[in-house]
Amino acid sequence: MSDTHTPVSRRRFCAGACQVASCATLATFFSACGGSPTSPSAPAATLPVLPGQFASSRVQVTVAGSALDNVGAAALVESVAGVFLLARTSATAFTAVDAICSHESCTITGSDGSAYVCPCHGSRYSRSGQVLAGPAKASLRQFGTTFADGVVTIAL
C-alpha cells in the first residue's frame, strides 16, 4: 500500500479551525447556562401578597387579620407606588425594603423563612435588605415604617 497524502488547502484548514473554535465556544456557553452556585438550589416559599394604599408619599398596609399578624412573618406589598417586602420584627415594629433585586431587577417574591430569596439567580437578603448571598452585591433600598391601629405606614 502506498500512503498518499493530499495537502489541505489554506481555505479548508481555516474553515475547519473556525468550526472547532465555534464548537468549543458553544460548549463553554451551554455549560455556563447549567446549574451554578448562583442558581437557586431550592424554590423559596412564595410570600403572601397584601395590597398597599398609596397616598401622599406613603403606602399604608392593614396588617390586622393578615399574613403579618405574627412576629417573624413577611409579605409582599403591592401598590401603585411599587412593590415592597414587609416583615414583622416585633409586636410593634416592621421592616420595609424594595422588592426589586439589586442584581438584575427581578421581583423578589419568596422567602426561605429567615431571608428573602430572588427567584432569578438565588440572591438572599436579610429582612432589613442586607445581602446575605450573591450574586447581588448591593443591599435592597430600605424604607421607614410606623405602626398604629393595625396599619403599617411605609414612608417613601
N, C-alpha and C. Protein backbone atom coordinates (compact mmCIF):
# COMPACT_ATOMS: atom_id res chain seq x y z
N MET A 1 0.83 -1.17 0.00
CA MET A 1 0.00 0.00 0.00
C MET A 1 0.87 1.23 0.00
N SER A 2 0.38 2.15 -0.70
CA SER A 2 1.13 3.40 -0.71
C SER A 2 0.33 4.45 0.02
N ASP A 3 1.02 5.21 0.83
CA ASP A 3 0.38 6.31 1.54
C ASP A 3 0.45 7.55 0.68
N THR A 4 -0.69 7.97 0.26
CA THR A 4 -0.72 9.22 -0.48
C THR A 4 -1.35 10.27 0.41
N HIS A 5 -0.68 11.31 0.59
CA HIS A 5 -1.13 12.40 1.46
C HIS A 5 -1.53 13.57 0.59
N THR A 6 -2.81 13.94 0.67
CA THR A 6 -3.29 15.07 -0.10
C THR A 6 -3.15 16.32 0.76
N PRO A 7 -2.44 17.31 0.28
CA PRO A 7 -2.29 18.53 1.07
C PRO A 7 -3.64 19.24 1.24
N VAL A 8 -3.82 19.84 2.40
CA VAL A 8 -5.04 20.58 2.72
C VAL A 8 -4.86 22.03 2.31
N SER A 9 -5.86 22.55 1.64
CA SER A 9 -5.76 23.95 1.22
C SER A 9 -5.90 24.87 2.44
N ARG A 10 -5.40 26.03 2.31
CA ARG A 10 -5.47 27.03 3.38
C ARG A 10 -6.94 27.33 3.72
N ARG A 11 -7.76 27.44 2.69
CA ARG A 11 -9.18 27.73 2.89
C ARG A 11 -9.85 26.63 3.71
N ARG A 12 -9.57 25.37 3.37
CA ARG A 12 -10.18 24.25 4.08
C ARG A 12 -9.67 24.18 5.51
N PHE A 13 -8.39 24.44 5.73
CA PHE A 13 -7.81 24.43 7.07
C PHE A 13 -8.47 25.50 7.94
N CYS A 14 -8.60 26.72 7.41
CA CYS A 14 -9.21 27.82 8.17
C CYS A 14 -10.67 27.53 8.50
N ALA A 15 -11.39 26.95 7.54
CA ALA A 15 -12.79 26.61 7.78
C ALA A 15 -12.91 25.58 8.89
N GLY A 16 -12.05 24.58 8.88
CA GLY A 16 -12.06 23.55 9.93
C GLY A 16 -11.71 24.13 11.29
N ALA A 17 -10.72 25.02 11.32
CA ALA A 17 -10.32 25.64 12.58
C ALA A 17 -11.45 26.49 13.15
N CYS A 18 -12.17 27.19 12.30
CA CYS A 18 -13.31 28.01 12.75
C CYS A 18 -14.42 27.14 13.31
N GLN A 19 -14.65 25.98 12.69
CA GLN A 19 -15.69 25.08 13.19
C GLN A 19 -15.33 24.55 14.57
N VAL A 20 -14.08 24.18 14.76
CA VAL A 20 -13.64 23.67 16.06
C VAL A 20 -13.77 24.77 17.12
N ALA A 21 -13.36 25.99 16.78
CA ALA A 21 -13.46 27.10 17.73
C ALA A 21 -14.91 27.40 18.07
N SER A 22 -15.79 27.34 17.07
CA SER A 22 -17.22 27.59 17.31
C SER A 22 -17.80 26.54 18.25
N CYS A 23 -17.46 25.28 18.03
CA CYS A 23 -17.96 24.21 18.89
C CYS A 23 -17.47 24.39 20.33
N ALA A 24 -16.22 24.75 20.49
CA ALA A 24 -15.67 24.95 21.83
C ALA A 24 -16.36 26.12 22.53
N THR A 25 -16.62 27.19 21.79
CA THR A 25 -17.30 28.35 22.36
C THR A 25 -18.72 27.99 22.79
N LEU A 26 -19.45 27.28 21.94
CA LEU A 26 -20.81 26.88 22.28
C LEU A 26 -20.84 25.93 23.47
N ALA A 27 -19.88 25.02 23.53
CA ALA A 27 -19.83 24.09 24.66
C ALA A 27 -19.62 24.86 25.97
N THR A 28 -18.74 25.84 25.95
CA THR A 28 -18.50 26.66 27.14
C THR A 28 -19.75 27.45 27.50
N PHE A 29 -20.40 28.03 26.50
CA PHE A 29 -21.61 28.81 26.74
C PHE A 29 -22.70 27.95 27.38
N PHE A 30 -22.96 26.77 26.81
CA PHE A 30 -24.03 25.94 27.33
C PHE A 30 -23.70 25.35 28.70
N SER A 31 -22.45 25.09 28.98
CA SER A 31 -22.11 24.59 30.32
C SER A 31 -22.28 25.70 31.35
N ALA A 32 -22.06 26.95 30.95
CA ALA A 32 -22.25 28.08 31.87
C ALA A 32 -23.72 28.32 32.15
N CYS A 33 -24.60 27.90 31.25
CA CYS A 33 -26.04 28.09 31.45
C CYS A 33 -26.62 27.05 32.39
N GLY A 34 -25.89 26.01 32.67
CA GLY A 34 -26.39 24.96 33.53
C GLY A 34 -26.38 25.38 34.98
N GLY A 35 -26.65 24.44 35.87
CA GLY A 35 -26.67 24.73 37.30
C GLY A 35 -25.35 25.31 37.75
N SER A 36 -25.44 26.35 38.53
CA SER A 36 -24.25 27.00 39.03
C SER A 36 -24.51 27.46 40.44
N PRO A 37 -23.47 27.90 41.16
CA PRO A 37 -23.67 28.35 42.52
C PRO A 37 -24.64 29.52 42.63
N THR A 38 -24.84 30.26 41.53
CA THR A 38 -25.73 31.41 41.60
C THR A 38 -27.17 31.04 41.29
N SER A 39 -27.44 29.78 40.94
CA SER A 39 -28.81 29.36 40.70
C SER A 39 -29.45 28.98 42.03
N PRO A 40 -30.73 29.29 42.21
CA PRO A 40 -31.38 28.90 43.45
C PRO A 40 -31.35 27.39 43.60
N SER A 41 -30.98 26.89 44.79
CA SER A 41 -30.88 25.45 44.99
C SER A 41 -32.25 24.83 45.23
N ALA A 42 -33.12 25.55 45.87
CA ALA A 42 -34.47 25.05 46.10
C ALA A 42 -35.41 26.25 46.03
N PRO A 43 -36.59 26.03 45.50
CA PRO A 43 -37.50 27.17 45.40
C PRO A 43 -37.90 27.66 46.79
N ALA A 44 -37.93 28.97 46.94
CA ALA A 44 -38.34 29.56 48.20
C ALA A 44 -39.86 29.58 48.26
N ALA A 45 -40.39 29.58 49.47
CA ALA A 45 -41.84 29.67 49.63
C ALA A 45 -42.31 31.03 49.14
N THR A 46 -43.39 31.04 48.41
CA THR A 46 -43.93 32.29 47.90
C THR A 46 -44.55 33.09 49.03
N LEU A 47 -44.19 34.36 49.09
CA LEU A 47 -44.73 35.23 50.13
C LEU A 47 -46.20 35.57 49.84
N PRO A 48 -47.01 35.72 50.90
CA PRO A 48 -48.38 36.18 50.67
C PRO A 48 -48.35 37.62 50.16
N VAL A 49 -49.34 37.98 49.38
CA VAL A 49 -49.41 39.32 48.79
C VAL A 49 -50.49 40.13 49.50
N LEU A 50 -50.11 41.34 49.92
CA LEU A 50 -51.06 42.25 50.55
C LEU A 50 -51.17 43.52 49.72
N PRO A 51 -52.36 44.11 49.66
CA PRO A 51 -52.49 45.37 48.93
C PRO A 51 -52.02 46.54 49.78
N GLY A 52 -51.40 47.49 49.14
CA GLY A 52 -50.98 48.71 49.82
C GLY A 52 -51.71 49.90 49.22
N GLN A 53 -52.14 50.81 50.07
CA GLN A 53 -52.85 52.00 49.62
C GLN A 53 -51.88 53.17 49.58
N PHE A 54 -51.68 53.76 48.41
CA PHE A 54 -50.73 54.86 48.24
C PHE A 54 -51.44 56.20 48.40
N ALA A 55 -50.82 57.08 49.21
CA ALA A 55 -51.31 58.46 49.36
C ALA A 55 -50.21 59.30 49.98
N SER A 56 -49.95 60.45 49.40
CA SER A 56 -49.01 61.43 49.97
C SER A 56 -47.65 60.85 50.32
N SER A 57 -47.00 60.22 49.37
CA SER A 57 -45.66 59.65 49.57
C SER A 57 -45.60 58.58 50.65
N ARG A 58 -46.70 57.89 50.84
CA ARG A 58 -46.76 56.80 51.82
C ARG A 58 -47.59 55.66 51.25
N VAL A 59 -47.25 54.47 51.73
CA VAL A 59 -48.07 53.30 51.41
C VAL A 59 -48.56 52.74 52.73
N GLN A 60 -49.87 52.56 52.85
CA GLN A 60 -50.43 52.02 54.08
C GLN A 60 -50.92 50.59 53.84
N VAL A 61 -50.61 49.73 54.83
CA VAL A 61 -50.95 48.31 54.73
C VAL A 61 -51.67 47.90 56.01
N THR A 62 -52.86 47.37 55.87
CA THR A 62 -53.59 46.85 57.03
C THR A 62 -53.03 45.48 57.35
N VAL A 63 -52.49 45.33 58.57
CA VAL A 63 -51.89 44.05 58.94
C VAL A 63 -52.76 43.26 59.91
N ALA A 64 -53.70 43.92 60.56
CA ALA A 64 -54.59 43.21 61.48
C ALA A 64 -55.39 42.18 60.69
N GLY A 65 -55.32 40.93 61.12
CA GLY A 65 -56.04 39.86 60.43
C GLY A 65 -55.40 39.41 59.13
N SER A 66 -54.15 39.81 58.89
CA SER A 66 -53.46 39.44 57.65
C SER A 66 -52.35 38.43 57.91
N ALA A 67 -51.58 38.15 56.89
CA ALA A 67 -50.44 37.24 57.00
C ALA A 67 -49.36 37.80 57.92
N LEU A 68 -49.44 39.08 58.26
CA LEU A 68 -48.43 39.71 59.12
C LEU A 68 -48.87 39.80 60.58
N ASP A 69 -49.84 39.00 60.98
CA ASP A 69 -50.29 39.01 62.37
C ASP A 69 -49.21 38.54 63.34
N ASN A 70 -48.35 37.64 62.92
CA ASN A 70 -47.36 37.05 63.82
C ASN A 70 -45.97 37.65 63.63
N VAL A 71 -45.24 37.78 64.73
CA VAL A 71 -43.85 38.24 64.68
C VAL A 71 -43.05 37.23 63.87
N GLY A 72 -42.21 37.73 62.96
CA GLY A 72 -41.40 36.88 62.09
C GLY A 72 -42.02 36.66 60.72
N ALA A 73 -43.28 37.04 60.57
CA ALA A 73 -43.96 36.87 59.28
C ALA A 73 -43.50 37.94 58.29
N ALA A 74 -43.63 37.62 57.01
CA ALA A 74 -43.26 38.56 55.95
C ALA A 74 -44.29 38.46 54.83
N ALA A 75 -44.40 39.54 54.06
CA ALA A 75 -45.35 39.57 52.94
C ALA A 75 -44.84 40.49 51.86
N LEU A 76 -45.37 40.30 50.68
CA LEU A 76 -45.11 41.17 49.54
C LEU A 76 -46.25 42.17 49.49
N VAL A 77 -45.92 43.45 49.45
CA VAL A 77 -46.94 44.50 49.40
C VAL A 77 -46.92 45.12 48.01
N GLU A 78 -48.08 45.10 47.36
CA GLU A 78 -48.19 45.68 46.02
C GLU A 78 -49.02 46.95 46.09
N SER A 79 -48.49 48.02 45.48
CA SER A 79 -49.21 49.29 45.43
C SER A 79 -48.85 49.99 44.13
N VAL A 80 -49.55 51.07 43.83
CA VAL A 80 -49.22 51.83 42.62
C VAL A 80 -47.85 52.50 42.75
N ALA A 81 -47.35 52.63 43.97
CA ALA A 81 -46.04 53.26 44.20
C ALA A 81 -44.89 52.27 44.05
N GLY A 82 -45.19 50.98 43.98
CA GLY A 82 -44.14 49.98 43.85
C GLY A 82 -44.48 48.71 44.61
N VAL A 83 -43.49 47.82 44.65
CA VAL A 83 -43.64 46.54 45.32
C VAL A 83 -42.62 46.51 46.45
N PHE A 84 -43.08 46.12 47.65
CA PHE A 84 -42.24 46.15 48.84
C PHE A 84 -42.28 44.82 49.56
N LEU A 85 -41.23 44.54 50.31
CA LEU A 85 -41.18 43.39 51.19
C LEU A 85 -41.34 43.92 52.61
N LEU A 86 -42.34 43.44 53.32
CA LEU A 86 -42.66 43.93 54.66
C LEU A 86 -42.56 42.77 55.63
N ALA A 87 -41.80 42.95 56.71
CA ALA A 87 -41.63 41.89 57.71
C ALA A 87 -41.94 42.43 59.09
N ARG A 88 -42.59 41.61 59.90
CA ARG A 88 -42.88 41.99 61.29
C ARG A 88 -41.74 41.49 62.15
N THR A 89 -41.02 42.43 62.79
CA THR A 89 -39.85 42.07 63.59
C THR A 89 -40.15 42.02 65.09
N SER A 90 -41.24 42.65 65.51
CA SER A 90 -41.71 42.57 66.90
C SER A 90 -43.20 42.90 66.89
N ALA A 91 -43.80 42.95 68.07
CA ALA A 91 -45.24 43.22 68.13
C ALA A 91 -45.60 44.57 67.52
N THR A 92 -44.66 45.52 67.58
CA THR A 92 -44.96 46.87 67.09
C THR A 92 -43.97 47.39 66.05
N ALA A 93 -43.07 46.54 65.56
CA ALA A 93 -42.04 47.01 64.62
C ALA A 93 -42.05 46.19 63.33
N PHE A 94 -41.78 46.89 62.23
CA PHE A 94 -41.76 46.28 60.91
C PHE A 94 -40.56 46.81 60.13
N THR A 95 -40.07 46.01 59.17
CA THR A 95 -39.07 46.49 58.22
C THR A 95 -39.71 46.46 56.84
N ALA A 96 -39.36 47.45 56.04
CA ALA A 96 -39.86 47.51 54.66
C ALA A 96 -38.68 47.78 53.74
N VAL A 97 -38.57 46.97 52.69
CA VAL A 97 -37.50 47.14 51.70
C VAL A 97 -38.09 46.99 50.31
N ASP A 98 -37.38 47.53 49.34
CA ASP A 98 -37.78 47.41 47.94
C ASP A 98 -37.76 45.93 47.55
N ALA A 99 -38.74 45.48 46.80
CA ALA A 99 -38.82 44.07 46.39
C ALA A 99 -38.10 43.80 45.08
N ILE A 100 -37.37 44.78 44.55
CA ILE A 100 -36.66 44.61 43.28
C ILE A 100 -35.21 44.25 43.58
N CYS A 101 -34.79 43.07 43.14
CA CYS A 101 -33.43 42.58 43.38
C CYS A 101 -32.41 43.54 42.77
N SER A 102 -31.36 43.80 43.52
CA SER A 102 -30.32 44.73 43.06
C SER A 102 -29.40 44.10 42.01
N HIS A 103 -29.52 42.81 41.77
CA HIS A 103 -28.66 42.14 40.80
C HIS A 103 -29.13 42.39 39.37
N GLU A 104 -30.35 41.93 39.03
CA GLU A 104 -30.86 42.10 37.67
C GLU A 104 -32.32 42.51 37.65
N SER A 105 -32.76 43.18 38.70
CA SER A 105 -34.10 43.79 38.78
C SER A 105 -35.27 42.82 38.72
N CYS A 106 -35.08 41.60 39.17
CA CYS A 106 -36.20 40.66 39.29
C CYS A 106 -37.00 41.02 40.54
N THR A 107 -38.29 40.76 40.52
CA THR A 107 -39.11 41.00 41.71
C THR A 107 -38.95 39.82 42.66
N ILE A 108 -38.57 40.11 43.89
CA ILE A 108 -38.38 39.08 44.91
C ILE A 108 -39.76 38.72 45.45
N THR A 109 -40.11 37.46 45.34
CA THR A 109 -41.44 37.01 45.75
C THR A 109 -41.39 35.89 46.78
N GLY A 110 -40.19 35.48 47.19
CA GLY A 110 -40.09 34.32 48.07
C GLY A 110 -39.24 34.54 49.29
N SER A 111 -39.38 33.61 50.22
CA SER A 111 -38.63 33.64 51.47
C SER A 111 -38.31 32.21 51.86
N ASP A 112 -37.14 32.04 52.48
CA ASP A 112 -36.79 30.70 52.98
C ASP A 112 -37.02 30.61 54.48
N GLY A 113 -37.77 31.54 55.02
CA GLY A 113 -38.07 31.55 56.45
C GLY A 113 -37.33 32.64 57.19
N SER A 114 -36.06 32.83 56.87
CA SER A 114 -35.28 33.86 57.56
C SER A 114 -34.74 34.91 56.60
N ALA A 115 -34.86 34.67 55.31
CA ALA A 115 -34.30 35.61 54.32
C ALA A 115 -35.21 35.67 53.11
N TYR A 116 -35.15 36.81 52.42
CA TYR A 116 -35.84 36.95 51.14
C TYR A 116 -34.94 36.32 50.08
N VAL A 117 -35.53 35.63 49.10
CA VAL A 117 -34.77 34.93 48.08
C VAL A 117 -35.25 35.37 46.70
N CYS A 118 -34.31 35.82 45.86
CA CYS A 118 -34.63 36.22 44.50
C CYS A 118 -34.85 34.96 43.66
N PRO A 119 -35.96 34.89 42.92
CA PRO A 119 -36.24 33.69 42.13
C PRO A 119 -35.38 33.56 40.88
N CYS A 120 -34.71 34.62 40.46
CA CYS A 120 -33.95 34.57 39.21
C CYS A 120 -32.57 33.93 39.37
N HIS A 121 -31.80 34.38 40.34
CA HIS A 121 -30.43 33.88 40.48
C HIS A 121 -30.08 33.48 41.91
N GLY A 122 -31.05 33.51 42.82
CA GLY A 122 -30.82 32.99 44.16
C GLY A 122 -30.19 33.94 45.16
N SER A 123 -30.08 35.22 44.84
CA SER A 123 -29.55 36.16 45.84
C SER A 123 -30.43 36.10 47.07
N ARG A 124 -29.80 36.20 48.25
CA ARG A 124 -30.53 36.15 49.52
C ARG A 124 -30.29 37.46 50.26
N TYR A 125 -31.35 37.97 50.86
CA TYR A 125 -31.30 39.23 51.60
C TYR A 125 -31.91 39.03 52.98
N SER A 126 -31.33 39.73 53.97
CA SER A 126 -31.91 39.71 55.31
C SER A 126 -33.23 40.48 55.30
N ARG A 127 -33.97 40.39 56.37
CA ARG A 127 -35.24 41.12 56.47
C ARG A 127 -35.02 42.63 56.39
N SER A 128 -33.81 43.09 56.70
CA SER A 128 -33.52 44.53 56.60
C SER A 128 -32.93 44.89 55.24
N GLY A 129 -32.84 43.91 54.33
CA GLY A 129 -32.40 44.18 52.96
C GLY A 129 -30.92 44.01 52.70
N GLN A 130 -30.14 43.59 53.69
CA GLN A 130 -28.70 43.38 53.50
C GLN A 130 -28.45 42.10 52.71
N VAL A 131 -27.45 42.13 51.82
CA VAL A 131 -27.11 40.95 51.02
C VAL A 131 -26.51 39.88 51.93
N LEU A 132 -27.08 38.69 51.89
CA LEU A 132 -26.54 37.55 52.63
C LEU A 132 -25.76 36.62 51.71
N ALA A 133 -26.20 36.52 50.45
CA ALA A 133 -25.53 35.68 49.45
C ALA A 133 -25.83 36.25 48.07
N GLY A 134 -24.80 36.24 47.22
CA GLY A 134 -24.90 36.81 45.88
C GLY A 134 -25.57 35.89 44.90
N PRO A 135 -25.60 36.36 43.68
CA PRO A 135 -24.68 37.29 43.04
C PRO A 135 -24.92 38.77 43.30
N ALA A 136 -26.02 39.15 43.91
CA ALA A 136 -26.25 40.57 44.20
C ALA A 136 -25.14 41.10 45.10
N LYS A 137 -24.74 42.34 44.86
CA LYS A 137 -23.71 42.97 45.67
C LYS A 137 -24.26 44.14 46.49
N ALA A 138 -25.35 44.74 46.04
CA ALA A 138 -25.93 45.90 46.72
C ALA A 138 -27.16 45.49 47.52
N SER A 139 -27.33 46.12 48.67
CA SER A 139 -28.49 45.88 49.52
C SER A 139 -29.76 46.42 48.87
N LEU A 140 -30.89 45.96 49.37
CA LEU A 140 -32.18 46.48 48.92
C LEU A 140 -32.43 47.81 49.61
N ARG A 141 -33.12 48.71 48.93
CA ARG A 141 -33.43 50.02 49.49
C ARG A 141 -34.39 49.84 50.67
N GLN A 142 -34.07 50.51 51.78
CA GLN A 142 -34.89 50.43 52.98
C GLN A 142 -35.83 51.63 53.07
N PHE A 143 -36.97 51.41 53.71
CA PHE A 143 -37.96 52.47 53.92
C PHE A 143 -38.35 52.49 55.39
N GLY A 144 -38.58 53.68 55.91
CA GLY A 144 -39.03 53.81 57.29
C GLY A 144 -40.47 53.35 57.43
N THR A 145 -40.80 52.83 58.61
CA THR A 145 -42.16 52.37 58.86
C THR A 145 -42.66 52.90 60.20
N THR A 146 -43.96 53.07 60.29
CA THR A 146 -44.62 53.35 61.57
C THR A 146 -45.81 52.40 61.66
N PHE A 147 -46.24 52.13 62.90
CA PHE A 147 -47.33 51.19 63.12
C PHE A 147 -48.31 51.77 64.13
N ALA A 148 -49.57 51.84 63.75
CA ALA A 148 -50.61 52.33 64.66
C ALA A 148 -51.96 51.77 64.21
N ASP A 149 -52.75 51.35 65.19
CA ASP A 149 -54.12 50.89 64.94
C ASP A 149 -54.21 49.80 63.87
N GLY A 150 -53.25 48.86 63.88
CA GLY A 150 -53.29 47.74 62.95
C GLY A 150 -52.89 48.07 61.53
N VAL A 151 -52.30 49.27 61.33
CA VAL A 151 -51.89 49.69 59.99
C VAL A 151 -50.41 50.07 60.01
N VAL A 152 -49.66 49.52 59.05
CA VAL A 152 -48.25 49.90 58.87
C VAL A 152 -48.21 50.96 57.79
N THR A 153 -47.46 52.03 58.05
CA THR A 153 -47.26 53.07 57.06
C THR A 153 -45.81 53.02 56.61
N ILE A 154 -45.60 52.86 55.31
CA ILE A 154 -44.26 52.84 54.72
C ILE A 154 -44.01 54.23 54.14
N ALA A 155 -42.98 54.90 54.65
CA ALA A 155 -42.64 56.25 54.16
C ALA A 155 -41.75 56.14 52.94
N LEU A 156 -42.19 56.76 51.85
CA LEU A 156 -41.41 56.69 50.60
C LEU A 156 -40.53 57.88 50.47
